[in-house]
Amino acid sequence: MEITATDQREVAAQAEPSPSPSLGVKSRASESYWARLIPRSVVEICFLALLVLVISVQVQYLLFVTATLPHLDDWNSLEKMFRSLDIHKVPAFVFDPTNGHFEVPAALGYLFSWRYLALDLTPLKLLNFPICLLTFFLTAHVINAEVRSRFLRFYLYLGAGFIIFSLCFWEHFALASGFAAILSVLFGGISLYCLAKVTQQSPRWKINLLAGLLFLLASVLSLGAGYGAVVAAVALFAIAGLKRLMQARPMPQYKRAVSYVAWILGLLVFVSHPFFQLRGKIIKAFFHAALVMGSVGSSSFDRNTVLAQNVAFACGAVLLITSFWIGFHFLQRQTAGSRLLPVFSLALVLFGLFGCVAVAVGRAYLPTSEFLNSRYTLYPSLFLLGALLYFAGSRLFLLTNTWCFVAVAYVLGAIREEQVGFYRPQLYRAMEAAIKSPDPMSDEQLRTALRWRENTKGARKVIARLKRDRLNVFRGNDNPNGVRR
């Protein structure tokens, strides 16, 4: 939905570095916090109705496709949990890193489900919705506190809803441990919000610094997204310090230096495409980073096709160039010291950017199509959320285009997931049948049935334990043959 000329006049004050002294802005500034959340025009009511629809689509999707049985990485996690229970080393399981990152909330969730729910994994998978809802409410709080224009607030509510309640990262909904990834991103975002306040030199900077570090630790312990948050926090302080230094001491050559760096990085991204047939780890890292960055844009395509990779590369290249522009613009812009939104939105952009780079570097051994995996779309989603918030305070033209890109990506991704999700219950029923009768099946047949090729031996051990203790799909059975009471 485009921002019309009338709406542009309403939000013109938003791009100013300080509040306008006009009576209109003063009246909006004196409006109570809760009154800002009430829609008063037809457009605002439409935005709110669409937001409710977006949220309901995710709820419907989760309830329809969620199943109690283990899926993908759940098999490895359950094997580790049962082994730790047998040797009485549960803390080792909780704090044992997987692929270089911790999964403490997921481990605690498995233990809770084993102890109280007979290892029914459905509640863990449904945790994704309340975490997304909390993320949205916190984002809406930032928008409500920092954006003065009523139209622009509801415009951003819907844009944030497209991103947060997206079905692009469906694989997190299919895994019992998937909620930990979204939780890690949430903790990282809260941490960066507190640290962004520290850069504003507020009187409570010590409290904000302590809270930021604690949430940063929680993000690291939740999943590997926390490492991206750490690098983003360091980069944020470096950029904020450089900006203050430039204001105190002019640096006439910095624009040329930044331009050269941006051109070099942009050229490396461009020539990293396989069309140029260049080799080298650095070139591949740039190509993979562009794919991860553009994975949201290609979520409606089959990730194994060349078309999906080209679309992702094009979208990723545009977003990477956008990140350079945002950083350069932040250093140049003159804003009042009390404006927190540009700093926080820059932090989210850095969070998403470094998350994509971390995936490209840390998962360099993966096939090219795996960089379009839905579990990695969290990081470009973070970037898009940060870009939306940043452009809301600087460039309405770029805000409109980013909003439209987000809306199109959400609609196309939702259509694809609704189509594919229609068949997932049938797939889960076939997987459940294989879990209940795995003995007649060969390893290759079991791999195909479970869609899991990494550790078939471990999966058989987990199935035997589930059957013995009457857990998960065997819960409520009186005998080991799986006949329900």
Foldseek 3Di string as FASTA:
>chain_A
DAQDPVNCVLLVQLQDQDGDPDPVLVVLVPDDLVVLVDDDDPLLVVLVVVLVVLLVLLVVLLVQQEFQDAAACSLVLLLLCVVCVVVVNLVCSQQPDDLPAAANVLSVLQVCCVVPVLSRLSVLLVVLSVLLVVLLVVLLSCLSVFGRRSSLSSLLSSLLSLLSSFCLLVVLSHHSSSSLLSLLVSLLLQLLLLLLVLLLVDPVNVVSPVSSVVSLVSSRNNTPLSVLSVVLSVVLVVLSVVLVVCVVPPDVCVVVVLVVVLVVLLVLLVCLPCVVVDDDLVSQLSLLLQLLLQLLLLSLDDLPDPVSSVSSNVNSSVLVSVLSVLSVVVSVDDHDSPNSQSSSLNSLLSSLSSLSSCCSNSVVVDPSSCSSNSNSNSSSSSNLSSQLSNCSNHPSVVNSVSSVSSVVSRVSNSVNCVVVSVCSVVLVVQLLVCLLPVVVDDLVRNCVSSVYDDCSVSSNVSSVVCLVVLGRQRPQCPDSNSDHD
